[in-house]
Amino acid sequence: MRTITLKEIGTSIVGALPTEVVKRIVRQHFSALRLCYEAELKKDPSLAGTVSTALLIDEEGVATSVEANGGSMTNPAVRECIVKVFASMSFPKPEGGKVKVTYPIDFTNHDEK
């Protein structure tokens, strides 16, 4: 049996949007992020690592300038899929203008026998 874990590590937020709000919204999309990982895990059972996603939340709460800009997982399909998921997220309108977010997620596969 396979157990997949996603763990946020070291989220960084610059701007007027509470960290808890950003994390809650991203966690609501963990199932879609998990699917990004699972699709490639079928091809490479040893696939694991961190993907750090950087995004800008504009004045309307829309995620813009989304890119996978770091982390130990180099699989391009996983990284591209994660970027698409983050780009689809909607956030509350920040009060003080744009918000810069760096959101690293660690993807781990635990095979249980």
Protein backbone atom coordinates (compact mmCIF):
# COMPACT_ATOMS: atom_id res chain seq x y z
CA MET A 1 0.00 0.00 0.00
CA ARG A 2 1.24 3.47 -0.84
CA THR A 3 1.01 6.46 1.48
CA ILE A 4 1.76 9.86 -0.02
CA THR A 5 2.48 12.84 2.17
CA LEU A 6 2.62 16.51 1.27
CA LYS A 7 4.20 18.79 3.81
CA GLU A 8 4.56 22.55 3.60
CA ILE A 9 8.00 23.71 4.68
CA GLY A 10 9.13 27.26 5.23
CA THR A 11 6.38 29.27 3.56
CA SER A 12 7.35 32.91 3.04
CA ILE A 13 4.84 35.73 2.54
CA VAL A 14 5.67 39.38 1.90
CA GLY A 15 2.63 41.65 1.91
CA ALA A 16 -0.70 42.24 3.61
CA LEU A 17 -2.29 38.79 3.48
CA PRO A 18 -2.21 36.61 6.60
CA THR A 19 -0.02 33.52 6.34
CA GLU A 20 -2.84 31.37 7.76
CA VAL A 21 -5.17 32.46 4.93
CA VAL A 22 -2.64 31.62 2.21
CA LYS A 23 -1.84 28.25 3.79
CA ARG A 24 -5.54 27.38 4.17
CA ILE A 25 -6.22 28.08 0.49
CA VAL A 26 -3.19 26.09 -0.66
CA ARG A 27 -4.17 23.18 1.62
CA GLN A 28 -7.61 23.18 -0.04
CA HIS A 29 -5.75 22.34 -3.26
CA PHE A 30 -3.56 19.59 -1.79
CA SER A 31 -5.65 16.89 -3.53
CA ALA A 32 -4.89 18.45 -6.93
CA LEU A 33 -1.21 18.86 -5.99
CA ARG A 34 -1.14 15.21 -4.86
CA LEU A 35 -2.50 14.16 -8.27
CA CYS A 36 0.39 16.00 -9.97
CA TYR A 37 2.81 13.89 -7.96
CA GLU A 38 0.91 10.59 -8.23
CA ALA A 39 0.78 10.76 -12.02
CA GLU A 40 4.58 10.78 -12.27
CA LEU A 41 5.08 8.45 -9.31
CA LYS A 42 3.52 5.67 -11.41
CA LYS A 43 6.39 6.09 -13.89
CA ASP A 44 9.11 6.54 -11.25
CA PRO A 45 8.33 4.88 -7.89
CA SER A 46 11.38 6.51 -6.27
CA LEU A 47 10.20 10.04 -7.11
CA ALA A 48 10.28 12.33 -4.07
CA GLY A 49 11.45 15.78 -3.09
CA THR A 50 10.53 19.38 -2.64
CA VAL A 51 9.02 21.82 -5.11
CA SER A 52 9.20 25.48 -4.18
CA THR A 53 6.61 27.61 -5.94
CA ALA A 54 6.84 31.39 -6.15
CA LEU A 55 3.79 33.46 -6.99
CA LEU A 56 2.53 36.98 -6.87
CA ILE A 57 -1.02 37.60 -5.64
CA ASP A 58 -2.32 40.73 -7.34
CA GLU A 59 -4.69 43.36 -5.98
CA GLU A 60 -7.69 41.26 -7.03
CA GLY A 61 -6.48 38.10 -5.25
CA VAL A 62 -5.39 36.37 -8.48
CA ALA A 63 -2.21 34.28 -8.50
CA THR A 64 0.10 35.66 -11.19
CA SER A 65 3.76 35.16 -12.15
CA VAL A 66 3.63 31.57 -10.88
CA GLU A 67 6.80 29.50 -11.25
CA ALA A 68 8.43 26.47 -9.69
CA ASN A 69 11.66 28.19 -8.77
CA GLY A 70 13.43 25.77 -6.50
CA GLY A 71 13.42 22.54 -4.59
CA SER A 72 15.01 19.14 -4.96
CA MET A 73 12.41 17.55 -7.27
CA THR A 74 13.46 18.16 -10.85
CA ASN A 75 10.69 16.22 -12.61
CA PRO A 76 9.40 18.76 -15.18
CA ALA A 77 5.90 17.25 -15.45
CA VAL A 78 5.31 17.48 -11.69
CA ARG A 79 6.67 21.03 -11.56
CA GLU A 80 4.54 22.17 -14.53
CA CYS A 81 1.40 20.61 -13.05
CA ILE A 82 2.04 22.26 -9.67
CA VAL A 83 2.46 25.64 -11.37
CA LYS A 84 -0.94 25.16 -13.08
CA VAL A 85 -2.62 24.30 -9.77
CA PHE A 86 -1.18 27.36 -8.03
CA ALA A 87 -2.14 29.56 -11.00
CA SER A 88 -5.76 28.43 -10.61
CA MET A 89 -6.01 29.52 -6.96
CA SER A 90 -8.02 32.54 -5.84
CA PHE A 91 -7.12 34.48 -2.73
CA PRO A 92 -8.84 37.31 -0.84
CA LYS A 93 -8.00 40.77 -2.11
CA PRO A 94 -4.93 41.92 -0.19
CA GLU A 95 -5.41 45.27 1.54
CA GLY A 96 -1.97 46.70 0.89
CA GLY A 97 -1.37 45.76 -2.73
CA LYS A 98 0.41 42.76 -4.18
CA VAL A 99 1.66 39.87 -2.05
CA LYS A 100 4.74 37.79 -2.83
CA VAL A 101 4.58 34.14 -1.76
CA THR A 102 7.16 31.36 -1.75
CA TYR A 103 5.53 28.04 -0.94
CA PRO A 104 7.75 24.94 -0.74
CA ILE A 105 6.03 21.56 -0.50
CA ASP A 106 7.80 18.28 0.24
CA PHE A 107 6.36 15.25 -1.60
CA THR A 108 7.09 11.83 -0.10
CA ASN A 109 5.98 8.33 -1.02
CA HIS A 110 5.93 5.68 1.69
CA ASP A 111 5.45 2.17 0.37
CA GLU A 112 3.89 0.01 3.06
CA LYS A 113 3.90 -3.74 2.77
